[in-house]
N, C-alpha and C. Protein backbone atom coordinates (compact mmCIF):
# COMPACT_ATOMS: atom_id res chain seq x y z
N MET A 1 41.59 74.76 60.77
CA MET A 1 42.51 75.54 60.01
C MET A 1 43.40 75.52 58.70
N GLU A 2 42.40 77.07 58.86
CA GLU A 2 42.66 76.92 57.03
C GLU A 2 44.56 76.55 55.60
N ILE A 3 45.10 77.31 57.31
CA ILE A 3 47.24 76.68 56.47
C ILE A 3 46.52 75.49 56.08
N LEU A 4 46.25 74.53 56.51
CA LEU A 4 46.31 72.97 56.28
C LEU A 4 45.63 72.91 54.55
N ASP A 5 44.62 73.45 54.35
CA ASP A 5 44.24 73.75 53.68
C ASP A 5 45.20 74.41 52.14
N THR A 6 45.86 75.06 52.02
CA THR A 6 47.00 75.97 51.31
C THR A 6 47.72 74.31 50.27
N ARG A 7 48.21 74.88 49.65
CA ARG A 7 49.63 73.87 49.59
C ARG A 7 50.62 75.05 49.35
N PRO A 8 51.85 73.96 50.15
CA PRO A 8 52.56 74.50 50.46
C PRO A 8 53.68 74.69 49.23
N SER A 9 54.62 75.82 49.30
CA SER A 9 55.36 76.40 48.41
C SER A 9 57.34 76.89 49.24
N ILE A 10 57.64 76.18 48.65
CA ILE A 10 58.80 77.66 49.14
C ILE A 10 59.90 78.37 49.06
N PRO A 11 59.82 79.81 49.36
CA PRO A 11 59.89 81.39 48.31
C PRO A 11 61.35 80.67 48.17
N ALA A 12 62.16 81.33 46.55
CA ALA A 12 62.75 81.05 45.37
C ALA A 12 63.99 81.54 46.35
N HIS A 13 64.03 82.53 47.80
CA HIS A 13 65.21 83.56 48.56
C HIS A 13 65.61 82.41 49.19
N VAL A 14 64.63 81.19 49.25
CA VAL A 14 65.09 80.22 50.56
C VAL A 14 65.62 78.82 49.53
N VAL A 15 66.56 78.36 50.56
CA VAL A 15 67.03 77.10 50.12
C VAL A 15 67.48 76.34 51.18
N HIS A 16 67.64 74.97 50.45
CA HIS A 16 67.65 73.61 51.93
C HIS A 16 68.14 72.47 51.08
N ARG A 17 69.00 72.39 52.36
CA ARG A 17 69.48 70.76 52.29
C ARG A 17 70.09 70.16 53.47
N ALA A 18 70.32 68.73 52.99
CA ALA A 18 70.20 67.57 53.90
C ALA A 18 70.81 67.43 54.28
N LEU A 19 71.88 67.34 55.53
CA LEU A 19 73.50 67.11 55.23
C LEU A 19 73.66 65.32 56.58
N ALA A 20 74.24 65.37 57.18
CA ALA A 20 74.82 64.39 57.80
C ALA A 20 74.09 63.54 59.02
N ASP A 21 73.65 65.01 60.09
CA ASP A 21 72.62 65.45 61.45
C ASP A 21 71.91 65.95 61.16
N GLU A 22 71.57 66.52 60.15
CA GLU A 22 70.05 67.60 60.07
C GLU A 22 69.78 68.02 59.28
N THR A 23 68.63 68.81 58.82
CA THR A 23 68.77 69.97 57.42
C THR A 23 68.64 70.87 58.56
N VAL A 24 69.51 71.86 56.83
CA VAL A 24 70.18 73.00 56.94
C VAL A 24 68.66 74.03 56.01
N ILE A 25 67.85 75.33 55.89
CA ILE A 25 67.59 75.93 55.51
C ILE A 25 68.14 77.87 55.38
N LEU A 26 68.47 77.41 54.57
CA LEU A 26 68.83 79.04 54.38
C LEU A 26 68.46 80.22 53.72
N ASN A 27 68.20 81.90 54.28
CA ASN A 27 67.29 82.66 53.21
C ASN A 27 67.86 83.29 52.91
N LEU A 28 68.29 83.71 51.27
CA LEU A 28 69.02 83.85 51.20
C LEU A 28 69.24 86.14 51.21
N GLN A 29 68.08 85.73 51.80
CA GLN A 29 67.75 87.73 51.18
C GLN A 29 68.46 87.51 52.91
N THR A 30 68.74 87.27 53.87
CA THR A 30 69.34 87.77 55.03
C THR A 30 70.64 86.98 55.42
N GLY A 31 70.21 86.06 54.74
CA GLY A 31 71.57 85.42 55.16
C GLY A 31 71.78 84.68 56.70
N ARG A 32 70.47 84.17 56.74
CA ARG A 32 70.58 83.62 57.79
C ARG A 32 70.01 82.62 57.56
N TYR A 33 70.70 81.67 58.31
CA TYR A 33 70.25 80.02 58.31
C TYR A 33 69.81 79.38 59.44
N HIS A 34 69.65 78.19 59.30
CA HIS A 34 68.30 77.66 60.17
C HIS A 34 68.45 76.35 60.54
N GLY A 35 68.86 75.37 61.34
CA GLY A 35 68.66 73.57 61.50
C GLY A 35 68.15 73.07 61.63
N LEU A 36 67.66 72.33 61.23
CA LEU A 36 65.94 71.68 61.35
C LEU A 36 66.47 70.11 62.21
N ASN A 37 66.31 69.65 63.06
CA ASN A 37 66.36 68.34 63.71
C ASN A 37 65.18 67.21 62.50
N PRO A 38 65.79 65.53 62.59
CA PRO A 38 65.30 65.10 61.88
C PRO A 38 63.85 64.78 61.60
N THR A 39 63.43 65.35 62.81
CA THR A 39 61.07 65.16 62.93
C THR A 39 60.85 66.88 62.03
N ALA A 40 61.69 67.77 62.38
CA ALA A 40 61.39 68.59 61.08
C ALA A 40 61.99 68.99 60.26
N ALA A 41 62.88 68.79 59.92
CA ALA A 41 63.07 67.95 58.54
C ALA A 41 62.18 67.25 57.90
N LYS A 42 61.81 65.24 58.70
CA LYS A 42 61.24 65.19 57.35
C LYS A 42 59.31 65.43 57.50
N ILE A 43 59.32 66.78 58.15
CA ILE A 43 57.88 68.05 57.72
C ILE A 43 58.36 68.32 56.56
N LEU A 44 59.26 68.75 56.18
CA LEU A 44 59.64 69.77 55.68
C LEU A 44 59.84 68.54 54.67
N GLU A 45 60.22 68.20 54.09
CA GLU A 45 60.34 66.97 53.26
C GLU A 45 58.79 66.79 52.35
N SER A 46 58.18 65.92 53.03
CA SER A 46 56.77 66.70 53.00
C SER A 46 55.68 67.58 52.49
N LEU A 47 56.43 68.39 53.00
CA LEU A 47 55.41 69.65 52.33
C LEU A 47 55.95 69.50 50.97
N THR A 48 57.51 69.65 51.12
CA THR A 48 57.77 69.85 48.97
C THR A 48 57.10 68.39 48.15
N GLY A 49 56.33 68.04 48.76
CA GLY A 49 55.94 66.99 47.55
C GLY A 49 54.12 66.61 48.07
N ALA A 50 54.12 68.04 48.36
CA ALA A 50 52.47 67.72 48.72
C ALA A 50 52.03 68.40 48.18
N SER A 51 50.01 67.77 47.81
CA SER A 51 49.48 68.77 47.30
C SER A 51 48.70 70.28 48.28
N THR A 52 48.92 69.84 49.86
CA THR A 52 48.40 70.91 50.93
C THR A 52 49.49 70.41 51.96
N VAL A 53 49.09 71.29 53.17
CA VAL A 53 50.17 71.21 54.21
C VAL A 53 48.98 69.98 55.48
N ARG A 54 47.44 69.70 54.74
CA ARG A 54 46.94 69.06 55.47
C ARG A 54 47.19 67.28 55.08
N ALA A 55 47.99 67.03 53.53
CA ALA A 55 48.34 66.07 53.14
C ALA A 55 49.23 65.72 53.85
N ALA A 56 50.70 67.04 54.05
CA ALA A 56 51.87 66.78 53.83
C ALA A 56 51.68 65.89 55.92
N ALA A 57 51.46 66.49 56.60
CA ALA A 57 50.42 66.18 57.94
C ALA A 57 50.28 64.48 58.18
N ALA A 58 48.99 63.76 56.81
CA ALA A 58 49.11 62.75 57.10
C ALA A 58 50.51 62.11 56.55
N GLN A 59 51.08 62.43 56.00
CA GLN A 59 52.36 61.54 55.45
C GLN A 59 53.18 61.74 56.86
N VAL A 60 53.06 62.65 57.42
CA VAL A 60 54.48 62.73 58.71
C VAL A 60 53.38 61.48 59.61
N ALA A 61 52.28 61.86 60.03
CA ALA A 61 51.28 60.54 60.83
C ALA A 61 51.63 59.72 61.20
N ALA A 62 52.03 59.05 59.11
CA ALA A 62 51.63 57.92 58.79
C ALA A 62 52.92 57.51 59.20
N HIS A 63 53.99 58.55 58.69
CA HIS A 63 55.97 57.36 59.07
C HIS A 63 55.96 57.41 60.41
N TYR A 64 55.27 58.00 61.18
CA TYR A 64 55.78 58.25 62.64
C TYR A 64 54.71 57.54 63.25
N GLY A 65 53.32 56.82 62.94
CA GLY A 65 52.88 56.21 63.61
C GLY A 65 51.77 57.00 64.90
N ARG A 66 51.72 58.38 64.27
CA ARG A 66 50.81 59.27 65.19
C ARG A 66 49.45 59.28 64.59
N PRO A 67 48.73 59.47 65.69
CA PRO A 67 47.60 60.22 65.63
C PRO A 67 47.15 61.74 64.50
N THR A 68 46.61 61.71 63.16
CA THR A 68 46.94 63.11 62.31
C THR A 68 46.39 64.43 63.18
N GLY A 69 45.08 64.00 63.84
CA GLY A 69 44.96 65.43 64.33
C GLY A 69 45.82 66.54 64.78
N SER A 70 46.60 65.52 65.57
CA SER A 70 47.74 66.00 66.46
C SER A 70 49.18 67.07 65.44
N VAL A 71 49.09 65.71 64.65
CA VAL A 71 49.82 66.34 63.47
C VAL A 71 50.19 67.22 63.20
N GLU A 72 48.22 67.10 62.56
CA GLU A 72 48.32 68.57 61.83
C GLU A 72 48.98 69.55 62.50
N GLN A 73 48.09 69.73 63.98
CA GLN A 73 48.66 71.30 64.54
C GLN A 73 50.08 71.45 64.43
N ASP A 74 50.70 70.13 64.76
CA ASP A 74 52.39 70.84 64.81
C ASP A 74 52.73 70.84 63.22
N VAL A 75 51.80 70.84 62.24
CA VAL A 75 52.68 70.59 60.79
C VAL A 75 52.39 72.12 61.00
N ALA A 76 51.21 72.72 61.28
CA ALA A 76 50.58 73.91 60.71
C ALA A 76 51.98 75.33 61.97
N ARG A 77 51.61 74.62 62.71
CA ARG A 77 52.65 75.38 63.26
C ARG A 77 53.95 75.88 63.07
N PHE A 78 54.43 74.30 62.93
CA PHE A 78 55.67 74.21 62.38
C PHE A 78 56.12 75.50 60.37
N CYS A 79 54.75 75.62 60.03
CA CYS A 79 54.34 76.63 58.99
C CYS A 79 54.43 77.67 58.98
N ARG A 80 53.67 78.07 60.03
CA ARG A 80 53.21 79.56 61.09
C ARG A 80 54.89 80.36 61.30
N ASP A 81 55.42 79.12 61.82
CA ASP A 81 56.95 79.35 62.24
C ASP A 81 57.88 79.85 61.07
N LEU A 82 58.19 78.36 60.17
CA LEU A 82 58.81 79.43 58.49
C LEU A 82 58.68 80.29 58.79
N ALA A 83 57.33 80.98 58.25
CA ALA A 83 56.75 82.06 57.64
C ALA A 83 57.28 83.31 58.42
N ASP A 84 56.87 83.23 59.65
CA ASP A 84 57.53 84.23 60.11
C ASP A 84 59.02 84.90 60.25
N ARG A 85 59.53 83.36 60.18
CA ARG A 85 61.23 83.35 59.70
C ARG A 85 61.56 83.75 58.02
N GLY A 86 60.82 83.92 57.04
CA GLY A 86 60.76 84.41 56.50
C GLY A 86 61.09 83.70 55.23
N LEU A 87 61.49 82.57 55.99
CA LEU A 87 60.59 81.10 55.31
C LEU A 87 60.09 80.23 54.42
């Protein structure tokens, strides 16, 4: 999966904030927002500080005590979904 070796970045037109029970991502160009559950919020948090998507997946896997391989697939899918939504 080549996405795993890319450097994650959040476009300038996207902002995110952690609230009490969820994290919200807002696309300023479309005005659409998306709510993230705690697991997705942890993935986003890991992506914002990681050098690669693979490194973020490793952080998430360690946090949840899960096998890295399956978490890499989940994180890659999450990244593709965000990109498909313009996020």
